[in-house]
Amino acid sequence: MNLSEQYWDKLYTSKQTGWDIGYVSTPLKEYFDQLENKDIRILVPGAGRAWEAEYLYKSGFGNTFVLDFSENAINEFKNRCPWFPESQIIYQDFFKHSNTYDLIVEQTFFSSLHPSLRQDFAVRLSALLNNGGKFVGLLFNHEFNFDGPPFGGSQKEYEQLFELYFDIEVI
């Protein structure tokens, strides 16, 4: 399965984006709303249309960054949010990114990655987080009966993966 930039661009062009709910998800919104430090550096990788980044930025989190390697997704976000700083929109492969952040937000990106990339994801994620940084997001606690994306998983699998790189507070 070739989950390349072209694959994702084609899905955006053909409007086959069933994972996109069209707004910030409620659990993430509730998490964001309890954050007090508006100066933290936040990354939303595999952001797609970046509803989470839009919400964060409008809520005063001025150091929010969007990262995606689908040009079509990035362009859709730019068209919807022309006021979002261009310098904080990163058109790049997550695995090649090297800045650091205090918070990295997960909303469907992890499930878009083939399971063979999950170990690499965790390694890159840990490298992108500042000391004391957090990875927060939503993961499927369900296996799917098709060859994704999305790719499901289990809590046990996630714990085994992430405990190698992080102190897990809640999963």
N, C-alpha and C. Protein backbone atom coordinates (compact mmCIF):
# COMPACT_ATOMS: atom_id res chain seq x y z
N MET A 1 0.85 -1.18 0.00
CA MET A 1 0.00 0.00 0.00
C MET A 1 0.89 1.24 0.00
N ASN A 2 0.70 2.09 -0.97
CA ASN A 2 1.51 3.30 -1.10
C ASN A 2 0.74 4.50 -0.55
N LEU A 3 1.03 4.85 0.69
CA LEU A 3 0.34 5.97 1.35
C LEU A 3 1.16 7.25 1.16
N SER A 4 1.43 7.56 -0.08
CA SER A 4 2.29 8.69 -0.45
C SER A 4 1.53 10.01 -0.41
N GLU A 5 2.29 11.06 -0.63
CA GLU A 5 1.70 12.39 -0.75
C GLU A 5 0.64 12.40 -1.85
N GLN A 6 0.91 11.74 -2.96
CA GLN A 6 -0.04 11.71 -4.08
C GLN A 6 -1.33 10.97 -3.68
N TYR A 7 -1.19 9.91 -2.91
CA TYR A 7 -2.36 9.16 -2.43
C TYR A 7 -3.28 10.09 -1.64
N TRP A 8 -2.70 10.83 -0.68
CA TRP A 8 -3.51 11.72 0.15
C TRP A 8 -4.04 12.90 -0.64
N ASP A 9 -3.24 13.47 -1.54
CA ASP A 9 -3.72 14.56 -2.39
C ASP A 9 -4.95 14.12 -3.19
N LYS A 10 -4.90 12.90 -3.71
CA LYS A 10 -6.03 12.38 -4.50
C LYS A 10 -7.29 12.27 -3.64
N LEU A 11 -7.14 11.82 -2.39
CA LEU A 11 -8.31 11.72 -1.51
C LEU A 11 -8.92 13.10 -1.25
N TYR A 12 -8.09 14.11 -1.04
CA TYR A 12 -8.62 15.46 -0.83
C TYR A 12 -9.29 15.99 -2.09
N THR A 13 -8.66 15.77 -3.24
CA THR A 13 -9.23 16.24 -4.51
C THR A 13 -10.57 15.59 -4.79
N SER A 14 -10.69 14.30 -4.50
CA SER A 14 -11.93 13.58 -4.78
C SER A 14 -12.93 13.64 -3.63
N LYS A 15 -12.61 14.43 -2.61
CA LYS A 15 -13.50 14.61 -1.45
C LYS A 15 -13.76 13.31 -0.70
N GLN A 16 -12.80 12.40 -0.70
CA GLN A 16 -12.92 11.13 0.02
C GLN A 16 -12.21 11.27 1.37
N THR A 17 -12.77 12.12 2.22
CA THR A 17 -12.13 12.43 3.50
C THR A 17 -13.11 12.16 4.65
N GLY A 18 -13.58 10.93 4.70
CA GLY A 18 -14.57 10.55 5.72
C GLY A 18 -14.07 10.67 7.14
N TRP A 19 -12.78 10.72 7.36
CA TRP A 19 -12.21 10.88 8.70
C TRP A 19 -12.35 12.31 9.21
N ASP A 20 -12.60 13.24 8.30
CA ASP A 20 -12.63 14.67 8.65
C ASP A 20 -14.02 15.03 9.15
N ILE A 21 -14.14 15.30 10.46
CA ILE A 21 -15.45 15.61 11.03
C ILE A 21 -15.87 17.07 10.82
N GLY A 22 -14.94 17.91 10.37
CA GLY A 22 -15.30 19.29 10.04
C GLY A 22 -15.24 20.27 11.20
N TYR A 23 -14.69 19.85 12.31
CA TYR A 23 -14.53 20.73 13.48
C TYR A 23 -13.58 20.03 14.44
N VAL A 24 -13.12 20.78 15.45
CA VAL A 24 -12.24 20.19 16.45
C VAL A 24 -13.04 19.15 17.23
N SER A 25 -12.44 17.99 17.47
CA SER A 25 -13.17 16.93 18.19
C SER A 25 -13.39 17.36 19.65
N THR A 26 -14.49 16.94 20.20
CA THR A 26 -14.87 17.36 21.56
C THR A 26 -13.83 17.01 22.61
N PRO A 27 -13.28 15.79 22.65
CA PRO A 27 -12.29 15.50 23.69
C PRO A 27 -11.06 16.41 23.60
N LEU A 28 -10.61 16.71 22.38
CA LEU A 28 -9.45 17.60 22.24
C LEU A 28 -9.81 19.03 22.61
N LYS A 29 -10.98 19.48 22.20
CA LYS A 29 -11.42 20.84 22.57
C LYS A 29 -11.44 20.98 24.09
N GLU A 30 -11.99 19.98 24.78
CA GLU A 30 -12.05 20.05 26.24
C GLU A 30 -10.65 20.05 26.86
N TYR A 31 -9.74 19.30 26.27
CA TYR A 31 -8.36 19.32 26.76
C TYR A 31 -7.73 20.70 26.53
N PHE A 32 -7.88 21.23 25.32
CA PHE A 32 -7.32 22.54 25.01
C PHE A 32 -7.88 23.63 25.92
N ASP A 33 -9.16 23.56 26.21
CA ASP A 33 -9.81 24.59 27.02
C ASP A 33 -9.29 24.65 28.45
N GLN A 34 -8.67 23.58 28.93
CA GLN A 34 -8.15 23.60 30.30
C GLN A 34 -6.67 24.01 30.35
N LEU A 35 -6.03 24.20 29.20
CA LEU A 35 -4.64 24.64 29.17
C LEU A 35 -4.54 26.11 29.54
N GLU A 36 -3.61 26.44 30.39
CA GLU A 36 -3.46 27.82 30.84
C GLU A 36 -2.33 28.58 30.16
N ASN A 37 -1.25 27.90 29.83
CA ASN A 37 -0.09 28.57 29.22
C ASN A 37 -0.30 28.69 27.72
N LYS A 38 -0.62 29.88 27.27
CA LYS A 38 -0.89 30.11 25.85
C LYS A 38 0.39 30.29 25.03
N ASP A 39 1.55 30.27 25.70
CA ASP A 39 2.82 30.47 25.01
C ASP A 39 3.48 29.17 24.54
N ILE A 40 2.91 28.03 24.89
CA ILE A 40 3.55 26.76 24.52
C ILE A 40 3.58 26.59 23.00
N ARG A 41 4.60 25.87 22.54
CA ARG A 41 4.73 25.53 21.12
C ARG A 41 3.96 24.23 20.88
N ILE A 42 3.01 24.29 19.93
CA ILE A 42 2.13 23.16 19.66
C ILE A 42 2.27 22.75 18.20
N LEU A 43 2.37 21.44 17.98
CA LEU A 43 2.41 20.90 16.63
C LEU A 43 1.19 20.01 16.42
N VAL A 44 0.55 20.19 15.26
CA VAL A 44 -0.51 19.28 14.82
C VAL A 44 0.01 18.60 13.56
N PRO A 45 0.59 17.39 13.71
CA PRO A 45 1.14 16.70 12.54
C PRO A 45 0.06 15.94 11.77
N GLY A 46 0.30 15.78 10.47
CA GLY A 46 -0.71 15.11 9.65
C GLY A 46 -2.03 15.83 9.81
N ALA A 47 -1.96 17.15 9.82
CA ALA A 47 -3.08 18.00 10.24
C ALA A 47 -4.27 18.00 9.30
N GLY A 48 -4.05 17.66 8.04
CA GLY A 48 -5.17 17.71 7.10
C GLY A 48 -5.75 19.11 7.03
N ARG A 49 -7.03 19.22 7.23
CA ARG A 49 -7.69 20.54 7.21
C ARG A 49 -7.49 21.31 8.51
N ALA A 50 -6.87 20.68 9.48
CA ALA A 50 -6.33 21.33 10.69
C ALA A 50 -7.37 22.06 11.54
N TRP A 51 -8.48 21.41 11.80
CA TRP A 51 -9.50 22.02 12.65
C TRP A 51 -8.96 22.28 14.05
N GLU A 52 -8.09 21.40 14.55
CA GLU A 52 -7.51 21.57 15.89
C GLU A 52 -6.60 22.80 15.92
N ALA A 53 -5.80 22.97 14.88
CA ALA A 53 -4.90 24.12 14.82
C ALA A 53 -5.69 25.42 14.74
N GLU A 54 -6.74 25.42 13.94
CA GLU A 54 -7.58 26.62 13.84
C GLU A 54 -8.16 26.97 15.21
N TYR A 55 -8.70 25.99 15.90
CA TYR A 55 -9.29 26.23 17.21
C TYR A 55 -8.24 26.75 18.19
N LEU A 56 -7.10 26.09 18.22
CA LEU A 56 -6.03 26.51 19.14
C LEU A 56 -5.60 27.95 18.87
N TYR A 57 -5.36 28.27 17.62
CA TYR A 57 -4.88 29.61 17.27
C TYR A 57 -5.93 30.68 17.64
N LYS A 58 -7.19 30.40 17.32
CA LYS A 58 -8.26 31.35 17.65
C LYS A 58 -8.46 31.47 19.16
N SER A 59 -8.01 30.45 19.91
CA SER A 59 -8.12 30.47 21.37
C SER A 59 -6.92 31.13 22.04
N GLY A 60 -6.02 31.69 21.24
CA GLY A 60 -4.90 32.43 21.80
C GLY A 60 -3.58 31.69 21.85
N PHE A 61 -3.54 30.47 21.32
CA PHE A 61 -2.29 29.71 21.28
C PHE A 61 -1.55 30.10 20.01
N GLY A 62 -0.83 31.20 20.06
CA GLY A 62 -0.18 31.79 18.90
C GLY A 62 1.00 31.00 18.36
N ASN A 63 1.50 30.04 19.13
CA ASN A 63 2.63 29.23 18.69
C ASN A 63 2.17 27.84 18.23
N THR A 64 1.07 27.81 17.49
CA THR A 64 0.53 26.56 16.96
C THR A 64 1.04 26.38 15.54
N PHE A 65 1.51 25.17 15.24
CA PHE A 65 2.07 24.85 13.93
C PHE A 65 1.30 23.70 13.30
N VAL A 66 1.08 23.81 12.00
CA VAL A 66 0.40 22.80 11.20
C VAL A 66 1.46 22.11 10.35
N LEU A 67 1.41 20.77 10.30
CA LEU A 67 2.34 20.02 9.46
C LEU A 67 1.57 18.97 8.68
N ASP A 68 1.76 18.96 7.37
CA ASP A 68 1.18 17.91 6.54
C ASP A 68 2.00 17.83 5.26
N PHE A 69 2.01 16.66 4.64
CA PHE A 69 2.73 16.53 3.37
C PHE A 69 1.79 16.43 2.18
N SER A 70 0.50 16.64 2.41
CA SER A 70 -0.46 16.72 1.32
C SER A 70 -0.63 18.20 0.96
N GLU A 71 -0.20 18.54 -0.23
CA GLU A 71 -0.33 19.92 -0.68
C GLU A 71 -1.80 20.35 -0.73
N ASN A 72 -2.68 19.43 -1.13
CA ASN A 72 -4.10 19.76 -1.20
C ASN A 72 -4.68 20.05 0.18
N ALA A 73 -4.29 19.26 1.18
CA ALA A 73 -4.77 19.51 2.54
C ALA A 73 -4.28 20.86 3.04
N ILE A 74 -3.01 21.14 2.83
CA ILE A 74 -2.43 22.42 3.25
C ILE A 74 -3.16 23.58 2.56
N ASN A 75 -3.40 23.45 1.27
CA ASN A 75 -4.08 24.53 0.53
C ASN A 75 -5.50 24.73 1.01
N GLU A 76 -6.20 23.64 1.32
CA GLU A 76 -7.56 23.79 1.85
C GLU A 76 -7.54 24.53 3.20
N PHE A 77 -6.56 24.20 4.04
CA PHE A 77 -6.44 24.91 5.32
C PHE A 77 -6.12 26.39 5.09
N LYS A 78 -5.18 26.69 4.21
CA LYS A 78 -4.81 28.08 3.92
C LYS A 78 -6.01 28.87 3.39
N ASN A 79 -6.80 28.25 2.52
CA ASN A 79 -7.97 28.94 1.96
C ASN A 79 -9.02 29.22 3.03
N ARG A 80 -9.19 28.29 3.97
CA ARG A 80 -10.17 28.46 5.03
C ARG A 80 -9.68 29.43 6.10
N CYS A 81 -8.37 29.44 6.35
CA CYS A 81 -7.79 30.24 7.44
C CYS A 81 -6.67 31.14 6.90
N PRO A 82 -7.00 32.09 6.04
CA PRO A 82 -5.94 32.92 5.43
C PRO A 82 -5.19 33.79 6.45
N TRP A 83 -5.75 33.96 7.63
CA TRP A 83 -5.13 34.75 8.69
C TRP A 83 -4.08 33.97 9.48
N PHE A 84 -4.03 32.64 9.29
CA PHE A 84 -3.08 31.81 10.02
C PHE A 84 -1.67 32.11 9.48
N PRO A 85 -0.68 32.31 10.34
CA PRO A 85 0.66 32.68 9.86
C PRO A 85 1.27 31.64 8.92
N GLU A 86 1.64 32.10 7.75
CA GLU A 86 2.25 31.24 6.74
C GLU A 86 3.49 30.52 7.29
N SER A 87 4.25 31.21 8.14
CA SER A 87 5.48 30.63 8.68
C SER A 87 5.21 29.47 9.64
N GLN A 88 3.95 29.29 10.03
CA GLN A 88 3.58 28.22 10.95
C GLN A 88 2.82 27.08 10.25
N ILE A 89 2.85 27.12 8.94
CA ILE A 89 2.26 26.06 8.11
C ILE A 89 3.43 25.34 7.44
N ILE A 90 3.61 24.09 7.79
CA ILE A 90 4.77 23.34 7.35
C ILE A 90 4.34 22.24 6.39
N TYR A 91 4.80 22.35 5.16
CA TYR A 91 4.53 21.37 4.12
C TYR A 91 5.73 20.43 4.09
N GLN A 92 5.61 19.30 4.83
CA GLN A 92 6.76 18.41 5.00
C GLN A 92 6.30 17.04 5.50
N ASP A 93 7.12 16.06 5.26
CA ASP A 93 6.92 14.71 5.79
C ASP A 93 7.23 14.75 7.29
N PHE A 94 6.34 14.25 8.09
CA PHE A 94 6.52 14.20 9.54
C PHE A 94 7.85 13.57 9.94
N PHE A 95 8.24 12.54 9.25
CA PHE A 95 9.45 11.80 9.61
C PHE A 95 10.73 12.56 9.28
N LYS A 96 10.61 13.67 8.56
CA LYS A 96 11.77 14.51 8.24
C LYS A 96 11.77 15.81 9.04
N HIS A 97 10.74 16.03 9.82
CA HIS A 97 10.62 17.27 10.59
C HIS A 97 11.56 17.24 11.79
N SER A 98 12.08 18.41 12.18
CA SER A 98 13.08 18.41 13.25
C SER A 98 12.92 19.51 14.30
N ASN A 99 11.91 20.34 14.24
CA ASN A 99 11.72 21.35 15.31
C ASN A 99 11.24 20.65 16.58
N THR A 100 11.16 21.39 17.67
CA THR A 100 10.69 20.79 18.92
C THR A 100 9.49 21.57 19.46
N TYR A 101 8.69 20.86 20.26
CA TYR A 101 7.41 21.40 20.72
C TYR A 101 7.14 20.97 22.15
N ASP A 102 6.23 21.73 22.77
CA ASP A 102 5.80 21.41 24.14
C ASP A 102 4.60 20.47 24.13
N LEU A 103 3.83 20.52 23.06
CA LEU A 103 2.63 19.70 22.93
C LEU A 103 2.49 19.26 21.48
N ILE A 104 2.26 17.97 21.28
CA ILE A 104 1.97 17.45 19.94
C ILE A 104 0.60 16.81 20.01
N VAL A 105 -0.26 17.20 19.08
CA VAL A 105 -1.67 16.81 19.07
C VAL A 105 -1.93 15.76 18.00
N GLU A 106 -2.58 14.69 18.40
CA GLU A 106 -2.94 13.60 17.50
C GLU A 106 -4.45 13.59 17.24
N GLN A 107 -4.81 13.69 15.95
CA GLN A 107 -6.21 13.56 15.54
C GLN A 107 -6.22 12.90 14.17
N THR A 108 -6.27 11.61 14.12
CA THR A 108 -6.35 10.75 12.94
C THR A 108 -5.03 10.54 12.19
N PHE A 109 -3.96 11.24 12.54
CA PHE A 109 -2.69 11.04 11.83
C PHE A 109 -2.12 9.65 12.11
N PHE A 110 -2.05 9.27 13.37
CA PHE A 110 -1.49 7.98 13.75
C PHE A 110 -2.21 6.84 13.01
N SER A 111 -3.52 6.93 12.92
CA SER A 111 -4.30 5.86 12.27
C SER A 111 -4.14 5.86 10.76
N SER A 112 -3.58 6.94 10.21
CA SER A 112 -3.34 7.00 8.77
C SER A 112 -2.02 6.35 8.38
N LEU A 113 -1.18 6.11 9.37
CA LEU A 113 0.14 5.51 9.11
C LEU A 113 0.03 3.99 9.12
N HIS A 114 0.70 3.37 8.18
CA HIS A 114 0.72 1.91 8.18
C HIS A 114 1.34 1.43 9.50
N PRO A 115 0.80 0.38 10.11
CA PRO A 115 1.34 -0.10 11.39
C PRO A 115 2.84 -0.38 11.39
N SER A 116 3.41 -0.66 10.23
CA SER A 116 4.86 -0.89 10.17
C SER A 116 5.65 0.39 10.48
N LEU A 117 4.99 1.54 10.46
CA LEU A 117 5.65 2.82 10.74
C LEU A 117 5.47 3.29 12.18
N ARG A 118 4.73 2.54 12.98
CA ARG A 118 4.41 3.01 14.32
C ARG A 118 5.63 3.17 15.22
N GLN A 119 6.58 2.26 15.13
CA GLN A 119 7.80 2.38 15.92
C GLN A 119 8.56 3.64 15.51
N ASP A 120 8.68 3.87 14.20
CA ASP A 120 9.34 5.08 13.70
C ASP A 120 8.60 6.34 14.14
N PHE A 121 7.28 6.26 14.16
CA PHE A 121 6.47 7.39 14.62
C PHE A 121 6.81 7.73 16.07
N ALA A 122 6.84 6.73 16.93
CA ALA A 122 7.13 6.96 18.35
C ALA A 122 8.53 7.55 18.54
N VAL A 123 9.49 7.05 17.79
CA VAL A 123 10.86 7.58 17.88
C VAL A 123 10.89 9.04 17.46
N ARG A 124 10.28 9.36 16.32
CA ARG A 124 10.27 10.75 15.82
C ARG A 124 9.51 11.64 16.79
N LEU A 125 8.38 11.16 17.28
CA LEU A 125 7.58 11.91 18.24
C LEU A 125 8.40 12.28 19.46
N SER A 126 9.12 11.33 20.01
CA SER A 126 9.91 11.60 21.21
C SER A 126 11.01 12.61 20.91
N ALA A 127 11.55 12.60 19.69
CA ALA A 127 12.59 13.56 19.32
C ALA A 127 12.03 14.97 19.14
N LEU A 128 10.75 15.08 18.79
CA LEU A 128 10.13 16.38 18.54
C LEU A 128 9.61 17.05 19.80
N LEU A 129 9.52 16.30 20.88
CA LEU A 129 8.99 16.87 22.13
C LEU A 129 10.10 17.43 23.00
N ASN A 130 9.88 18.64 23.51
CA ASN A 130 10.79 19.22 24.49
C ASN A 130 10.72 18.41 25.77
N ASN A 131 11.73 18.55 26.63
CA ASN A 131 11.66 17.91 27.95
C ASN A 131 10.39 18.36 28.65
N GLY A 132 9.65 17.42 29.18
CA GLY A 132 8.39 17.74 29.84
C GLY A 132 7.23 17.93 28.88
N GLY A 133 7.47 17.77 27.58
CA GLY A 133 6.42 17.94 26.59
C GLY A 133 5.42 16.80 26.65
N LYS A 134 4.27 17.02 26.00
CA LYS A 134 3.19 16.03 26.02
C LYS A 134 2.72 15.70 24.62
N PHE A 135 2.34 14.44 24.47
CA PHE A 135 1.66 13.95 23.27
C PHE A 135 0.23 13.65 23.70
N VAL A 136 -0.71 14.33 23.07
CA VAL A 136 -2.12 14.21 23.46
C VAL A 136 -2.94 13.95 22.21
N GLY A 137 -3.87 13.01 22.30
CA GLY A 137 -4.71 12.79 21.15
C GLY A 137 -5.65 11.63 21.31
N LEU A 138 -6.26 11.29 20.19
CA LEU A 138 -7.26 10.22 20.15
C LEU A 138 -6.72 9.09 19.28
N LEU A 139 -6.84 7.86 19.79
CA LEU A 139 -6.41 6.68 19.05
C LEU A 139 -7.56 5.69 19.02
N PHE A 140 -7.68 4.96 17.92
CA PHE A 140 -8.70 3.92 17.83
C PHE A 140 -8.35 2.77 18.75
N ASN A 141 -9.27 2.37 19.60
CA ASN A 141 -9.11 1.18 20.42
C ASN A 141 -9.97 0.09 19.79
N HIS A 142 -9.65 -0.21 18.53
CA HIS A 142 -10.48 -1.10 17.73
C HIS A 142 -9.68 -1.57 16.52
N GLU A 143 -9.76 -2.84 16.24
CA GLU A 143 -9.16 -3.38 15.01
C GLU A 143 -10.20 -3.34 13.90
N PHE A 144 -9.78 -2.97 12.71
CA PHE A 144 -10.70 -2.91 11.57
C PHE A 144 -10.54 -4.17 10.73
N ASN A 145 -11.61 -4.56 10.06
CA ASN A 145 -11.58 -5.78 9.25
C ASN A 145 -11.30 -5.47 7.78
N PHE A 146 -10.50 -4.46 7.53
CA PHE A 146 -10.08 -4.10 6.18
C PHE A 146 -8.65 -3.57 6.26
N ASP A 147 -8.00 -3.54 5.11
CA ASP A 147 -6.66 -2.96 5.05
C ASP A 147 -6.82 -1.46 4.91
N GLY A 148 -6.59 -0.73 6.02
CA GLY A 148 -6.83 0.71 6.11
C GLY A 148 -6.10 1.50 5.06
N PRO A 149 -6.02 2.77 5.21
CA PRO A 149 -6.35 3.51 6.41
C PRO A 149 -7.86 3.73 6.56
N PRO A 150 -8.31 3.95 7.76
CA PRO A 150 -7.53 4.02 9.00
C PRO A 150 -7.09 2.62 9.45
N PHE A 151 -6.01 2.63 10.21
CA PHE A 151 -5.50 1.41 10.81
C PHE A 151 -5.83 1.47 12.30
N GLY A 152 -6.44 0.43 12.79
CA GLY A 152 -6.82 0.40 14.20
C GLY A 152 -5.70 -0.13 15.07
N GLY A 153 -6.06 -0.43 16.27
CA GLY A 153 -5.10 -0.97 17.23
C GLY A 153 -5.78 -1.18 18.56
N SER A 154 -4.97 -1.53 19.55
CA SER A 154 -5.51 -1.79 20.88
C SER A 154 -4.75 -0.99 21.92
N GLN A 155 -5.39 -0.81 23.05
CA GLN A 155 -4.74 -0.09 24.14
C GLN A 155 -3.45 -0.78 24.56
N LYS A 156 -3.48 -2.10 24.61
CA LYS A 156 -2.28 -2.85 25.00
C LYS A 156 -1.14 -2.58 24.02
N GLU A 157 -1.46 -2.61 22.73
CA GLU A 157 -0.45 -2.33 21.70
C GLU A 157 0.15 -0.93 21.88
N TYR A 158 -0.72 0.05 22.12
CA TYR A 158 -0.26 1.43 22.28
C TYR A 158 0.61 1.58 23.54
N GLU A 159 0.18 0.94 24.61
CA GLU A 159 0.97 1.01 25.84
C GLU A 159 2.36 0.43 25.61
N GLN A 160 2.44 -0.73 24.96
CA GLN A 160 3.74 -1.36 24.70
C GLN A 160 4.62 -0.49 23.81
N LEU A 161 4.03 0.18 22.86
CA LEU A 161 4.78 1.05 21.97
C LEU A 161 5.25 2.31 22.68
N PHE A 162 4.33 3.02 23.30
CA PHE A 162 4.66 4.34 23.84
C PHE A 162 5.43 4.30 25.15
N GLU A 163 5.30 3.22 25.93
CA GLU A 163 6.02 3.17 27.21
C GLU A 163 7.53 3.10 27.00
N LEU A 164 7.97 2.75 25.82
CA LEU A 164 9.40 2.73 25.51
C LEU A 164 9.98 4.15 25.45
N TYR A 165 9.15 5.14 25.18
CA TYR A 165 9.62 6.50 24.92
C TYR A 165 9.01 7.56 25.84
N PHE A 166 7.93 7.22 26.52
CA PHE A 166 7.20 8.23 27.28
C PHE A 166 6.78 7.70 28.64
N ASP A 167 6.56 8.62 29.58
CA ASP A 167 5.90 8.29 30.83
C ASP A 167 4.41 8.47 30.57
N ILE A 168 3.69 7.38 30.50
CA ILE A 168 2.26 7.43 30.17
C ILE A 168 1.48 7.84 31.42
N GLU A 169 0.72 8.93 31.30
CA GLU A 169 -0.14 9.38 32.39
C GLU A 169 -1.53 8.78 32.26
N VAL A 170 -2.09 8.88 31.05
CA VAL A 170 -3.43 8.36 30.78
C VAL A 170 -3.43 7.82 29.36
N ILE A 171 -4.04 6.65 29.19
CA ILE A 171 -4.19 6.14 27.83
C ILE A 171 -5.59 5.51 27.72
